[in-house]
Amino acid sequence: MLFIIISIFSAILAGSGVGGGSIFILLITAFNLLDYKTSMGYNLIMFVVVGIAATMNNIKSKKFDIKIFFKIIFLCLIGSYIGVHFAKIIDEQDLKKYFYIFILIIGIYEIISSLISFKKGRI
């Protein structure tokens, strides 16, 4: 049941563009529902499904530029290829540690940038 709740919550965040995949991996591994590399695989499946739904919505609302799409897709393919190979050679515990450090850094950055925006009266 917890897996279902986390999956739905993460998909909602991902569909909103908030980074649901990171939340999915974080929660699934924190509750020991899956090992880290398996959770990465399921996250990628979720990413494809959410990406298709979000892209269809963006095309429908005319917020999709095909020129930008073709510029990005090649770079995404290269980055994905490199990422898959890194995931194969890096120890699972190290990969998990690097992911958590990355999430921590992003969280600290978001808090600081929000405080700065608040101080400047933008929030």
PDB file of N, CA and C in Angstrom:
ATOM      1  N   MET A   1       0.823  -1.191   0.000  1.00  0.00           N
ATOM      2  CA  MET A   1       0.000   0.000   0.000  1.00  0.00           C
ATOM      3  C   MET A   1       0.869   1.259   0.000  1.00  0.00           C
ATOM      4  N   LEU A   2       1.949   1.237   0.804  1.00  0.00           N
ATOM      5  CA  LEU A   2       2.854   2.376   0.861  1.00  0.00           C
ATOM      6  C   LEU A   2       3.492   2.628  -0.506  1.00  0.00           C
ATOM      7  N   PHE A   3       3.836   1.555  -1.210  1.00  0.00           N
ATOM      8  CA  PHE A   3       4.407   1.673  -2.551  1.00  0.00           C
ATOM      9  C   PHE A   3       3.432   2.400  -3.484  1.00  0.00           C
ATOM     10  N   ILE A   4       2.156   2.068  -3.407  1.00  0.00           N
ATOM     11  CA  ILE A   4       1.131   2.693  -4.252  1.00  0.00           C
ATOM     12  C   ILE A   4       0.996   4.177  -3.920  1.00  0.00           C
ATOM     13  N   ILE A   5       0.966   4.504  -2.642  1.00  0.00           N
ATOM     14  CA  ILE A   5       0.842   5.902  -2.217  1.00  0.00           C
ATOM     15  C   ILE A   5       2.042   6.717  -2.682  1.00  0.00           C
ATOM     16  N   ILE A   6       3.246   6.174  -2.481  1.00  0.00           N
ATOM     17  CA  ILE A   6       4.459   6.875  -2.911  1.00  0.00           C
ATOM     18  C   ILE A   6       4.460   7.054  -4.429  1.00  0.00           C
ATOM     19  N   SER A   7       4.061   6.030  -5.160  1.00  0.00           N
ATOM     20  CA  SER A   7       4.042   6.106  -6.627  1.00  0.00           C
ATOM     21  C   SER A   7       3.077   7.178  -7.122  1.00  0.00           C
ATOM     22  N   ILE A   8       1.890   7.210  -6.569  1.00  0.00           N
ATOM     23  CA  ILE A   8       0.894   8.211  -6.984  1.00  0.00           C
ATOM     24  C   ILE A   8       1.364   9.614  -6.612  1.00  0.00           C
ATOM     25  N   PHE A   9       1.841   9.788  -5.389  1.00  0.00           N
ATOM     26  CA  PHE A   9       2.338  11.086  -4.932  1.00  0.00           C
ATOM     27  C   PHE A   9       3.481  11.567  -5.818  1.00  0.00           C
ATOM     28  N   SER A  10       4.419  10.686  -6.125  1.00  0.00           N
ATOM     29  CA  SER A  10       5.559  11.038  -6.964  1.00  0.00           C
ATOM     30  C   SER A  10       5.130  11.383  -8.379  1.00  0.00           C
ATOM     31  N   ALA A  11       4.166  10.635  -8.922  1.00  0.00           N
ATOM     32  CA  ALA A  11       3.674  10.908 -10.272  1.00  0.00           C
ATOM     33  C   ALA A  11       2.971  12.262 -10.342  1.00  0.00           C
ATOM     34  N   ILE A  12       2.242  12.599  -9.297  1.00  0.00           N
ATOM     35  CA  ILE A  12       1.585  13.914  -9.257  1.00  0.00           C
ATOM     36  C   ILE A  12       2.638  15.021  -9.255  1.00  0.00           C
ATOM     37  N   LEU A  13       3.666  14.870  -8.433  1.00  0.00           N
ATOM     38  CA  LEU A  13       4.737  15.868  -8.399  1.00  0.00           C
ATOM     39  C   LEU A  13       5.468  15.927  -9.733  1.00  0.00           C
ATOM     40  N   ALA A  14       5.753  14.770 -10.316  1.00  0.00           N
ATOM     41  CA  ALA A  14       6.459  14.740 -11.602  1.00  0.00           C
ATOM     42  C   ALA A  14       5.624  15.394 -12.694  1.00  0.00           C
ATOM     43  N   GLY A  15       4.333  15.115 -12.712  1.00  0.00           N
ATOM     44  CA  GLY A  15       3.449  15.728 -13.696  1.00  0.00           C
ATOM     45  C   GLY A  15       3.354  17.228 -13.539  1.00  0.00           C
ATOM     46  N   SER A  16       3.589  17.695 -12.329  1.00  0.00           N
ATOM     47  CA  SER A  16       3.577  19.136 -12.058  1.00  0.00           C
ATOM     48  C   SER A  16       4.927  19.780 -12.356  1.00  0.00           C
ATOM     49  N   GLY A  17       5.914  18.952 -12.690  1.00  0.00           N
ATOM     50  CA  GLY A  17       7.242  19.466 -13.001  1.00  0.00           C
ATOM     51  C   GLY A  17       8.096  19.752 -11.788  1.00  0.00           C
ATOM     52  N   VAL A  18       7.759  19.118 -10.670  1.00  0.00           N
ATOM     53  CA  VAL A  18       8.439  19.413  -9.416  1.00  0.00           C
ATOM     54  C   VAL A  18       9.575  18.434  -9.106  1.00  0.00           C
ATOM     55  N   GLY A  19       9.713  17.375  -9.849  1.00  0.00           N
ATOM     56  CA  GLY A  19      10.782  16.417  -9.593  1.00  0.00           C
ATOM     57  C   GLY A  19      10.321  15.209  -8.813  1.00  0.00           C
ATOM     58  N   GLY A  20       9.211  14.652  -9.226  1.00  0.00           N
ATOM     59  CA  GLY A  20       8.640  13.506  -8.530  1.00  0.00           C
ATOM     60  C   GLY A  20       9.522  12.281  -8.529  1.00  0.00           C
ATOM     61  N   GLY A  21      10.359  12.133  -9.552  1.00  0.00           N
ATOM     62  CA  GLY A  21      11.248  10.975  -9.612  1.00  0.00           C
ATOM     63  C   GLY A  21      12.231  10.950  -8.461  1.00  0.00           C
ATOM     64  N   SER A  22      12.751  12.103  -8.118  1.00  0.00           N
ATOM     65  CA  SER A  22      13.669  12.180  -6.986  1.00  0.00           C
ATOM     66  C   SER A  22      12.956  11.821  -5.697  1.00  0.00           C
ATOM     67  N   ILE A  23      11.730  12.294  -5.552  1.00  0.00           N
ATOM     68  CA  ILE A  23      10.932  11.972  -4.369  1.00  0.00           C
ATOM     69  C   ILE A  23      10.650  10.476  -4.336  1.00  0.00           C
ATOM     70  N   PHE A  24      10.312   9.899  -5.493  1.00  0.00           N
ATOM     71  CA  PHE A  24      10.025   8.468  -5.577  1.00  0.00           C
ATOM     72  C   PHE A  24      11.219   7.653  -5.087  1.00  0.00           C
ATOM     73  N   ILE A  25      12.393   7.916  -5.635  1.00  0.00           N
ATOM     74  CA  ILE A  25      13.584   7.154  -5.246  1.00  0.00           C
ATOM     75  C   ILE A  25      13.881   7.353  -3.767  1.00  0.00           C
ATOM     76  N   LEU A  26      13.812   8.593  -3.314  1.00  0.00           N
ATOM     77  CA  LEU A  26      14.107   8.906  -1.914  1.00  0.00           C
ATOM     78  C   LEU A  26      13.188   8.135  -0.960  1.00  0.00           C
ATOM     79  N   LEU A  27      11.884   8.190  -1.219  1.00  0.00           N
ATOM     80  CA  LEU A  27      10.932   7.537  -0.314  1.00  0.00           C
ATOM     81  C   LEU A  27      10.959   6.011  -0.434  1.00  0.00           C
ATOM     82  N   ILE A  28      11.055   5.504  -1.651  1.00  0.00           N
ATOM     83  CA  ILE A  28      11.067   4.048  -1.846  1.00  0.00           C
ATOM     84  C   ILE A  28      12.273   3.422  -1.157  1.00  0.00           C
ATOM     85  N   THR A  29      13.432   4.087  -1.257  1.00  0.00           N
ATOM     86  CA  THR A  29      14.627   3.529  -0.612  1.00  0.00           C
ATOM     87  C   THR A  29      14.639   3.817   0.887  1.00  0.00           C
ATOM     88  N   ALA A  30      14.100   4.965   1.301  1.00  0.00           N
ATOM     89  CA  ALA A  30      14.062   5.282   2.732  1.00  0.00           C
ATOM     90  C   ALA A  30      13.201   4.282   3.503  1.00  0.00           C
ATOM     91  N   PHE A  31      12.116   3.829   2.887  1.00  0.00           N
ATOM     92  CA  PHE A  31      11.241   2.844   3.529  1.00  0.00           C
ATOM     93  C   PHE A  31      11.640   1.403   3.194  1.00  0.00           C
ATOM     94  N   ASN A  32      12.784   1.241   2.520  1.00  0.00           N
ATOM     95  CA  ASN A  32      13.311  -0.078   2.155  1.00  0.00           C
ATOM     96  C   ASN A  32      12.306  -0.934   1.380  1.00  0.00           C
ATOM     97  N   LEU A  33      11.556  -0.289   0.480  1.00  0.00           N
ATOM     98  CA  LEU A  33      10.600  -1.035  -0.338  1.00  0.00           C
ATOM     99  C   LEU A  33      11.290  -1.680  -1.531  1.00  0.00           C
ATOM    100  N   LEU A  34      12.341  -1.041  -2.034  1.00  0.00           N
ATOM    101  CA  LEU A  34      13.145  -1.587  -3.133  1.00  0.00           C
ATOM    102  C   LEU A  34      14.588  -1.171  -2.908  1.00  0.00           C
ATOM    103  N   ASP A  35      15.524  -1.917  -3.501  1.00  0.00           N
ATOM    104  CA  ASP A  35      16.907  -1.470  -3.437  1.00  0.00           C
ATOM    105  C   ASP A  35      17.077  -0.282  -4.389  1.00  0.00           C
ATOM    106  N   TYR A  36      18.200   0.403  -4.259  1.00  0.00           N
ATOM    107  CA  TYR A  36      18.375   1.663  -4.970  1.00  0.00           C
ATOM    108  C   TYR A  36      18.334   1.495  -6.484  1.00  0.00           C
ATOM    109  N   LYS A  37      19.090   0.553  -7.028  1.00  0.00           N
ATOM    110  CA  LYS A  37      19.133   0.410  -8.487  1.00  0.00           C
ATOM    111  C   LYS A  37      17.790  -0.037  -9.052  1.00  0.00           C
ATOM    112  N   THR A  38      17.055  -0.859  -8.339  1.00  0.00           N
ATOM    113  CA  THR A  38      15.721  -1.259  -8.796  1.00  0.00           C
ATOM    114  C   THR A  38      14.782  -0.065  -8.780  1.00  0.00           C
ATOM    115  N   SER A  39      14.878   0.758  -7.721  1.00  0.00           N
ATOM    116  CA  SER A  39      14.018   1.946  -7.660  1.00  0.00           C
ATOM    117  C   SER A  39      14.348   2.905  -8.798  1.00  0.00           C
ATOM    118  N   MET A  40      15.607   2.973  -9.209  1.00  0.00           N
ATOM    119  CA  MET A  40      15.981   3.807 -10.353  1.00  0.00           C
ATOM    120  C   MET A  40      15.278   3.327 -11.618  1.00  0.00           C
ATOM    121  N   GLY A  41      15.236   2.010 -11.799  1.00  0.00           N
ATOM    122  CA  GLY A  41      14.571   1.455 -12.976  1.00  0.00           C
ATOM    123  C   GLY A  41      13.092   1.782 -13.011  1.00  0.00           C
ATOM    124  N   TYR A  42      12.421   1.624 -11.889  1.00  0.00           N
ATOM    125  CA  TYR A  42      10.992   1.949 -11.832  1.00  0.00           C
ATOM    126  C   TYR A  42      10.768   3.452 -11.981  1.00  0.00           C
ATOM    127  N   ASN A  43      11.685   4.246 -11.451  1.00  0.00           N
ATOM    128  CA  ASN A  43      11.591   5.688 -11.625  1.00  0.00           C
ATOM    129  C   ASN A  43      11.648   6.058 -13.107  1.00  0.00           C
ATOM    130  N   LEU A  44      12.506   5.397 -13.854  1.00  0.00           N
ATOM    131  CA  LEU A  44      12.618   5.691 -15.283  1.00  0.00           C
ATOM    132  C   LEU A  44      11.346   5.297 -16.026  1.00  0.00           C
ATOM    133  N   ILE A  45      10.729   4.193 -15.622  1.00  0.00           N
ATOM    134  CA  ILE A  45       9.443   3.806 -16.225  1.00  0.00           C
ATOM    135  C   ILE A  45       8.406   4.888 -15.937  1.00  0.00           C
ATOM    136  N   MET A  46       8.363   5.337 -14.681  1.00  0.00           N
ATOM    137  CA  MET A  46       7.420   6.390 -14.307  1.00  0.00           C
ATOM    138  C   MET A  46       7.719   7.669 -15.080  1.00  0.00           C
ATOM    139  N   PHE A  47       8.999   7.961 -15.268  1.00  0.00           N
ATOM    140  CA  PHE A  47       9.406   9.148 -15.994  1.00  0.00           C
ATOM    141  C   PHE A  47       8.887   9.136 -17.427  1.00  0.00           C
ATOM    142  N   VAL A  48       8.948   7.982 -18.078  1.00  0.00           N
ATOM    143  CA  VAL A  48       8.452   7.860 -19.456  1.00  0.00           C
ATOM    144  C   VAL A  48       6.944   8.109 -19.501  1.00  0.00           C
ATOM    145  N   VAL A  49       6.208   7.468 -18.602  1.00  0.00           N
ATOM    146  CA  VAL A  49       4.747   7.608 -18.591  1.00  0.00           C
ATOM    147  C   VAL A  49       4.341   9.054 -18.291  1.00  0.00           C
ATOM    148  N   VAL A  50       4.932   9.627 -17.250  1.00  0.00           N
ATOM    149  CA  VAL A  50       4.606  11.005 -16.883  1.00  0.00           C
ATOM    150  C   VAL A  50       5.049  11.954 -17.994  1.00  0.00           C
ATOM    151  N   GLY A  51       6.206  11.692 -18.583  1.00  0.00           N
ATOM    152  CA  GLY A  51       6.704  12.535 -19.665  1.00  0.00           C
ATOM    153  C   GLY A  51       5.782  12.545 -20.875  1.00  0.00           C
ATOM    154  N   ILE A  52       5.258  11.384 -21.230  1.00  0.00           N
ATOM    155  CA  ILE A  52       4.325  11.309 -22.361  1.00  0.00           C
ATOM    156  C   ILE A  52       3.057  12.095 -22.047  1.00  0.00           C
ATOM    157  N   ALA A  53       2.512  11.892 -20.861  1.00  0.00           N
ATOM    158  CA  ALA A  53       1.281  12.608 -20.480  1.00  0.00           C
ATOM    159  C   ALA A  53       1.509  14.116 -20.441  1.00  0.00           C
ATOM    160  N   ALA A  54       2.622  14.548 -19.855  1.00  0.00           N
ATOM    161  CA  ALA A  54       2.913  15.977 -19.765  1.00  0.00           C
ATOM    162  C   ALA A  54       3.166  16.572 -21.151  1.00  0.00           C
ATOM    163  N   THR A  55       3.864  15.831 -22.000  1.00  0.00           N
ATOM    164  CA  THR A  55       4.135  16.310 -23.357  1.00  0.00           C
ATOM    165  C   THR A  55       2.847  16.447 -24.149  1.00  0.00           C
ATOM    166  N   MET A  56       1.962  15.473 -24.039  1.00  0.00           N
ATOM    167  CA  MET A  56       0.666  15.565 -24.733  1.00  0.00           C
ATOM    168  C   MET A  56      -0.101  16.802 -24.262  1.00  0.00           C
ATOM    169  N   ASN A  57      -0.072  17.047 -22.963  1.00  0.00           N
ATOM    170  CA  ASN A  57      -0.751  18.230 -22.415  1.00  0.00           C
ATOM    171  C   ASN A  57      -0.109  19.523 -22.926  1.00  0.00           C
ATOM    172  N   ASN A  58       1.227  19.558 -22.973  1.00  0.00           N
ATOM    173  CA  ASN A  58       1.918  20.753 -23.454  1.00  0.00           C
ATOM    174  C   ASN A  58       1.675  20.992 -24.942  1.00  0.00           C
ATOM    175  N   ILE A  59       1.604  19.933 -25.729  1.00  0.00           N
ATOM    176  CA  ILE A  59       1.282  20.084 -27.153  1.00  0.00           C
ATOM    177  C   ILE A  59      -0.132  20.628 -27.298  1.00  0.00           C
ATOM    178  N   LYS A  60      -1.045  20.057 -26.526  1.00  0.00           N
ATOM    179  CA  LYS A  60      -2.446  20.491 -26.586  1.00  0.00           C
ATOM    180  C   LYS A  60      -2.596  21.960 -26.207  1.00  0.00           C
ATOM    181  N   SER A  61      -1.840  22.411 -25.206  1.00  0.00           N
ATOM    182  CA  SER A  61      -1.950  23.804 -24.766  1.00  0.00           C
ATOM    183  C   SER A  61      -0.964  24.722 -25.500  1.00  0.00           C
ATOM    184  N   LYS A  62      -0.354  24.189 -26.561  1.00  0.00           N
ATOM    185  CA  LYS A  62       0.556  24.950 -27.430  1.00  0.00           C
ATOM    186  C   LYS A  62       1.772  25.507 -26.673  1.00  0.00           C
ATOM    187  N   LYS A  63       2.279  24.716 -25.727  1.00  0.00           N
ATOM    188  CA  LYS A  63       3.484  25.093 -24.983  1.00  0.00           C
ATOM    189  C   LYS A  63       4.639  24.169 -25.350  1.00  0.00           C
ATOM    190  N   PHE A  64       4.655  23.727 -26.592  1.00  0.00           N
ATOM    191  CA  PHE A  64       5.644  22.760 -27.047  1.00  0.00           C
ATOM    192  C   PHE A  64       6.256  23.275 -28.335  1.00  0.00           C
ATOM    193  N   ASP A  65       7.571  23.435 -28.353  1.00  0.00           N
ATOM    194  CA  ASP A  65       8.283  23.908 -29.533  1.00  0.00           C
ATOM    195  C   ASP A  65       9.070  22.734 -30.112  1.00  0.00           C
ATOM    196  N   ILE A  66       8.692  22.288 -31.282  1.00  0.00           N
ATOM    197  CA  ILE A  66       9.317  21.119 -31.914  1.00  0.00           C
ATOM    198  C   ILE A  66      10.798  21.360 -32.196  1.00  0.00           C
ATOM    199  N   LYS A  67      11.188  22.610 -32.463  1.00  0.00           N
ATOM    200  CA  LYS A  67      12.600  22.923 -32.719  1.00  0.00           C
ATOM    201  C   LYS A  67      13.438  22.679 -31.465  1.00  0.00           C
ATOM    202  N   ILE A  68      12.918  23.124 -30.335  1.00  0.00           N
ATOM    203  CA  ILE A  68      13.629  22.895 -29.067  1.00  0.00           C
ATOM    204  C   ILE A  68      13.676  21.401 -28.761  1.00  0.00           C
ATOM    205  N   PHE A  69      12.584  20.700 -29.043  1.00  0.00           N
ATOM    206  CA  PHE A  69      12.532  19.254 -28.827  1.00  0.00           C
ATOM    207  C   PHE A  69      13.674  18.551 -29.551  1.00  0.00           C
ATOM    208  N   PHE A  70      13.868  18.880 -30.818  1.00  0.00           N
ATOM    209  CA  PHE A  70      14.918  18.217 -31.590  1.00  0.00           C
ATOM    210  C   PHE A  70      16.320  18.626 -31.140  1.00  0.00           C
ATOM    211  N   LYS A  71      16.454  19.824 -30.584  1.00  0.00           N
ATOM    212  CA  LYS A  71      17.748  20.222 -30.029  1.00  0.00           C
ATOM    213  C   LYS A  71      18.061  19.424 -28.768  1.00  0.00           C
ATOM    214  N   ILE A  72      17.050  19.191 -27.953  1.00  0.00           N
ATOM    215  CA  ILE A  72      17.243  18.529 -26.666  1.00  0.00           C
ATOM    216  C   ILE A  72      17.381  17.013 -26.793  1.00  0.00           C
ATOM    217  N   ILE A  73      16.643  16.405 -27.696  1.00  0.00           N
ATOM    218  CA  ILE A  73      16.550  14.946 -27.716  1.00  0.00           C
ATOM    219  C   ILE A  73      17.905  14.274 -27.914  1.00  0.00           C
ATOM    220  N   PHE A  74      18.739  14.818 -28.778  1.00  0.00           N
ATOM    221  CA  PHE A  74      20.053  14.234 -29.012  1.00  0.00           C
ATOM    222  C   PHE A  74      20.898  14.292 -27.748  1.00  0.00           C
ATOM    223  N   LEU A  75      20.874  15.440 -27.074  1.00  0.00           N
ATOM    224  CA  LEU A  75      21.636  15.595 -25.835  1.00  0.00           C
ATOM    225  C   LEU A  75      21.116  14.661 -24.739  1.00  0.00           C
ATOM    226  N   CYS A  76      19.798  14.483 -24.694  1.00  0.00           N
ATOM    227  CA  CYS A  76      19.204  13.558 -23.717  1.00  0.00           C
ATOM    228  C   CYS A  76      19.652  12.120 -23.982  1.00  0.00           C
ATOM    229  N   LEU A  77      19.716  11.733 -25.232  1.00  0.00           N
ATOM    230  CA  LEU A  77      20.158  10.384 -25.578  1.00  0.00           C
ATOM    231  C   LEU A  77      21.611  10.161 -25.154  1.00  0.00           C
ATOM    232  N   ILE A  78      22.461  11.127 -25.407  1.00  0.00           N
ATOM    233  CA  ILE A  78      23.869  11.012 -25.004  1.00  0.00           C
ATOM    234  C   ILE A  78      23.982  10.937 -23.486  1.00  0.00           C
ATOM    235  N   GLY A  79      23.297  11.840 -22.793  1.00  0.00           N
ATOM    236  CA  GLY A  79      23.345  11.844 -21.328  1.00  0.00           C
ATOM    237  C   GLY A  79      22.799  10.562 -20.727  1.00  0.00           C
ATOM    238  N   SER A  80      21.723  10.037 -21.297  1.00  0.00           N
ATOM    239  CA  SER A  80      21.134   8.788 -20.811  1.00  0.00           C
ATOM    240  C   SER A  80      22.098   7.624 -20.994  1.00  0.00           C
ATOM    241  N   TYR A  81      22.737   7.569 -22.143  1.00  0.00           N
ATOM    242  CA  TYR A  81      23.694   6.500 -22.432  1.00  0.00           C
ATOM    243  C   TYR A  81      24.847   6.514 -21.422  1.00  0.00           C
ATOM    244  N   ILE A  82      25.378   7.711 -21.171  1.00  0.00           N
ATOM    245  CA  ILE A  82      26.470   7.847 -20.202  1.00  0.00           C
ATOM    246  C   ILE A  82      25.987   7.480 -18.802  1.00  0.00           C
ATOM    247  N   GLY A  83      24.796   7.962 -18.421  1.00  0.00           N
ATOM    248  CA  GLY A  83      24.251   7.675 -17.095  1.00  0.00           C
ATOM    249  C   GLY A  83      24.036   6.193 -16.844  1.00  0.00           C
ATOM    250  N   VAL A  84      23.543   5.477 -17.847  1.00  0.00           N
ATOM    251  CA  VAL A  84      23.326   4.032 -17.707  1.00  0.00           C
ATOM    252  C   VAL A  84      24.650   3.322 -17.453  1.00  0.00           C
ATOM    253  N   HIS A  85      25.679   3.726 -18.154  1.00  0.00           N
ATOM    254  CA  HIS A  85      26.981   3.081 -17.966  1.00  0.00           C
ATOM    255  C   HIS A  85      27.606   3.425 -16.622  1.00  0.00           C
ATOM    256  N   PHE A  86      27.425   4.657 -16.158  1.00  0.00           N
ATOM    257  CA  PHE A  86      27.893   5.009 -14.817  1.00  0.00           C
ATOM    258  C   PHE A  86      27.167   4.184 -13.760  1.00  0.00           C
ATOM    259  N   ALA A  87      25.870   4.021 -13.923  1.00  0.00           N
ATOM    260  CA  ALA A  87      25.078   3.257 -12.946  1.00  0.00           C
ATOM    261  C   ALA A  87      25.534   1.806 -12.886  1.00  0.00           C
ATOM    262  N   LYS A  88      26.024   1.272 -14.003  1.00  0.00           N
ATOM    263  CA  LYS A  88      26.506  -0.118 -14.022  1.00  0.00           C
ATOM    264  C   LYS A  88      27.824  -0.279 -13.272  1.00  0.00           C
ATOM    265  N   ILE A  89      28.684   0.714 -13.357  1.00  0.00           N
ATOM    266  CA  ILE A  89      30.024   0.549 -12.780  1.00  0.00           C
ATOM    267  C   ILE A  89      30.154   1.089 -11.358  1.00  0.00           C
ATOM    268  N   ILE A  90      29.255   1.967 -10.943  1.00  0.00           N
ATOM    269  CA  ILE A  90      29.332   2.534  -9.589  1.00  0.00           C
ATOM    270  C   ILE A  90      28.599   1.606  -8.622  1.00  0.00           C
ATOM    271  N   ASP A  91      29.231   1.340  -7.495  1.00  0.00           N
ATOM    272  CA  ASP A  91      28.628   0.515  -6.448  1.00  0.00           C
ATOM    273  C   ASP A  91      27.291   1.108  -6.014  1.00  0.00           C
ATOM    274  N   GLU A  92      26.315   0.238  -5.774  1.00  0.00           N
ATOM    275  CA  GLU A  92      24.966   0.692  -5.436  1.00  0.00           C
ATOM    276  C   GLU A  92      24.941   1.580  -4.199  1.00  0.00           C
ATOM    277  N   GLN A  93      25.693   1.235  -3.170  1.00  0.00           N
ATOM    278  CA  GLN A  93      25.707   2.055  -1.953  1.00  0.00           C
ATOM    279  C   GLN A  93      26.325   3.424  -2.218  1.00  0.00           C
ATOM    280  N   ASP A  94      27.366   3.460  -3.053  1.00  0.00           N
ATOM    281  CA  ASP A  94      27.974   4.749  -3.403  1.00  0.00           C
ATOM    282  C   ASP A  94      27.010   5.589  -4.225  1.00  0.00           C
ATOM    283  N   LEU A  95      26.332   4.962  -5.176  1.00  0.00           N
ATOM    284  CA  LEU A  95      25.370   5.669  -6.014  1.00  0.00           C
ATOM    285  C   LEU A  95      24.251   6.263  -5.162  1.00  0.00           C
ATOM    286  N   LYS A  96      23.783   5.474  -4.203  1.00  0.00           N
ATOM    287  CA  LYS A  96      22.737   5.944  -3.289  1.00  0.00           C
ATOM    288  C   LYS A  96      23.238   7.135  -2.471  1.00  0.00           C
ATOM    289  N   LYS A  97      24.455   7.042  -1.979  1.00  0.00           N
ATOM    290  CA  LYS A  97      25.049   8.126  -1.189  1.00  0.00           C
ATOM    291  C   LYS A  97      25.171   9.397  -2.040  1.00  0.00           C
ATOM    292  N   TYR A  98      25.654   9.266  -3.280  1.00  0.00           N
ATOM    293  CA  TYR A  98      25.794  10.425  -4.162  1.00  0.00           C
ATOM    294  C   TYR A  98      24.436  11.058  -4.459  1.00  0.00           C
ATOM    295  N   PHE A  99      23.428  10.220  -4.639  1.00  0.00           N
ATOM    296  CA  PHE A  99      22.077  10.729  -4.898  1.00  0.00           C
ATOM    297  C   PHE A  99      21.571  11.521  -3.706  1.00  0.00           C
ATOM    298  N   TYR A 100      21.732  10.984  -2.496  1.00  0.00           N
ATOM    299  CA  TYR A 100      21.268  11.680  -1.299  1.00  0.00           C
ATOM    300  C   TYR A 100      22.021  12.998  -1.095  1.00  0.00           C
ATOM    301  N   ILE A 101      23.319  13.008  -1.368  1.00  0.00           N
ATOM    302  CA  ILE A 101      24.097  14.247  -1.257  1.00  0.00           C
ATOM    303  C   ILE A 101      23.590  15.268  -2.272  1.00  0.00           C
ATOM    304  N   PHE A 102      23.327  14.812  -3.490  1.00  0.00           N
ATOM    305  CA  PHE A 102      22.794  15.694  -4.531  1.00  0.00           C
ATOM    306  C   PHE A 102      21.457  16.293  -4.103  1.00  0.00           C
ATOM    307  N   ILE A 103      20.555  15.457  -3.582  1.00  0.00           N
ATOM    308  CA  ILE A 103      19.245  15.936  -3.131  1.00  0.00           C
ATOM    309  C   ILE A 103      19.415  16.941  -1.992  1.00  0.00           C
ATOM    310  N   LEU A 104      20.335  16.673  -1.083  1.00  0.00           N
ATOM    311  CA  LEU A 104      20.598  17.590   0.028  1.00  0.00           C
ATOM    312  C   LEU A 104      21.086  18.945  -0.486  1.00  0.00           C
ATOM    313  N   ILE A 105      22.010  18.925  -1.436  1.00  0.00           N
ATOM    314  CA  ILE A 105      22.535  20.170  -2.010  1.00  0.00           C
ATOM    315  C   ILE A 105      21.423  20.942  -2.712  1.00  0.00           C
ATOM    316  N   ILE A 106      20.605  20.253  -3.494  1.00  0.00           N
ATOM    317  CA  ILE A 106      19.489  20.909  -4.181  1.00  0.00           C
ATOM    318  C   ILE A 106      18.512  21.497  -3.163  1.00  0.00           C
ATOM    319  N   GLY A 107      18.231  20.758  -2.099  1.00  0.00           N
ATOM    320  CA  GLY A 107      17.326  21.255  -1.050  1.00  0.00           C
ATOM    321  C   GLY A 107      17.865  22.504  -0.386  1.00  0.00           C
ATOM    322  N   ILE A 108      19.145  22.500  -0.053  1.00  0.00           N
ATOM    323  CA  ILE A 108      19.762  23.674   0.571  1.00  0.00           C
ATOM    324  C   ILE A 108      19.721  24.857  -0.390  1.00  0.00           C
ATOM    325  N   TYR A 109      20.036  24.605  -1.655  1.00  0.00           N
ATOM    326  CA  TYR A 109      19.989  25.676  -2.666  1.00  0.00           C
ATOM    327  C   TYR A 109      18.581  26.265  -2.767  1.00  0.00           C
ATOM    328  N   GLU A 110      17.571  25.409  -2.816  1.00  0.00           N
ATOM    329  CA  GLU A 110      16.193  25.886  -2.932  1.00  0.00           C
ATOM    330  C   GLU A 110      15.776  26.706  -1.712  1.00  0.00           C
ATOM    331  N   ILE A 111      16.174  26.274  -0.538  1.00  0.00           N
ATOM    332  CA  ILE A 111      15.847  27.029   0.686  1.00  0.00           C
ATOM    333  C   ILE A 111      16.513  28.399   0.651  1.00  0.00           C
ATOM    334  N   ILE A 112      17.794  28.433   0.320  1.00  0.00           N
ATOM    335  CA  ILE A 112      18.520  29.711   0.284  1.00  0.00           C
ATOM    336  C   ILE A 112      17.946  30.637  -0.786  1.00  0.00           C
ATOM    337  N   SER A 113      17.692  30.105  -1.999  1.00  0.00           N
ATOM    338  CA  SER A 113      17.154  30.971  -3.058  1.00  0.00           C
ATOM    339  C   SER A 113      15.749  31.455  -2.712  1.00  0.00           C
ATOM    340  N   SER A 114      14.960  30.629  -2.029  1.00  0.00           N
ATOM    341  CA  SER A 114      13.629  31.072  -1.602  1.00  0.00           C
ATOM    342  C   SER A 114      13.718  32.166  -0.548  1.00  0.00           C
ATOM    343  N   LEU A 115      14.648  32.020   0.378  1.00  0.00           N
ATOM    344  CA  LEU A 115      14.831  33.057   1.413  1.00  0.00           C
ATOM    345  C   LEU A 115      15.289  34.372   0.787  1.00  0.00           C
ATOM    346  N   ILE A 116      16.173  34.286  -0.190  1.00  0.00           N
ATOM    347  CA  ILE A 116      16.638  35.496  -0.877  1.00  0.00           C
ATOM    348  C   ILE A 116      15.489  36.148  -1.621  1.00  0.00           C
ATOM    349  N   SER A 117      14.682  35.351  -2.332  1.00  0.00           N
ATOM    350  CA  SER A 117      13.525  35.895  -3.048  1.00  0.00           C
ATOM    351  C   SER A 117      12.515  36.502  -2.083  1.00  0.00           C
ATOM    352  N   PHE A 118      12.312  35.843  -0.948  1.00  0.00           N
ATOM    353  CA  PHE A 118      11.390  36.355   0.072  1.00  0.00           C
ATOM    354  C   PHE A 118      11.889  37.703   0.590  1.00  0.00           C
ATOM    355  N   LYS A 119      13.187  37.770   0.863  1.00  0.00           N
ATOM    356  CA  LYS A 119      13.782  39.003   1.385  1.00  0.00           C
ATOM    357  C   LYS A 119      13.644  40.138   0.383  1.00  0.00           C
ATOM    358  N   LYS A 120      13.735  39.823  -0.918  1.00  0.00           N
ATOM    359  CA  LYS A 120      13.613  40.848  -1.969  1.00  0.00           C
ATOM    360  C   LYS A 120      12.152  41.154  -2.295  1.00  0.00           C
ATOM    361  N   GLY A 121      11.226  40.453  -1.643  1.00  0.00           N
ATOM    362  CA  GLY A 121       9.798  40.703  -1.840  1.00  0.00           C
ATOM    363  C   GLY A 121       9.208  40.048  -3.071  1.00  0.00           C
ATOM    364  N   ARG A 122       9.845  39.024  -3.603  1.00  0.00           N
ATOM    365  CA  ARG A 122       9.344  38.333  -4.789  1.00  0.00           C
ATOM    366  C   ARG A 122       8.385  37.207  -4.464  1.00  0.00           C
ATOM    367  N   ILE A 123       8.314  36.846  -3.214  1.00  0.00           N
ATOM    368  CA  ILE A 123       7.393  35.752  -2.839  1.00  0.00           C
ATOM    369  C   ILE A 123       6.234  36.328  -2.067  1.00  0.00           C
TER     370      ILE A 123
END
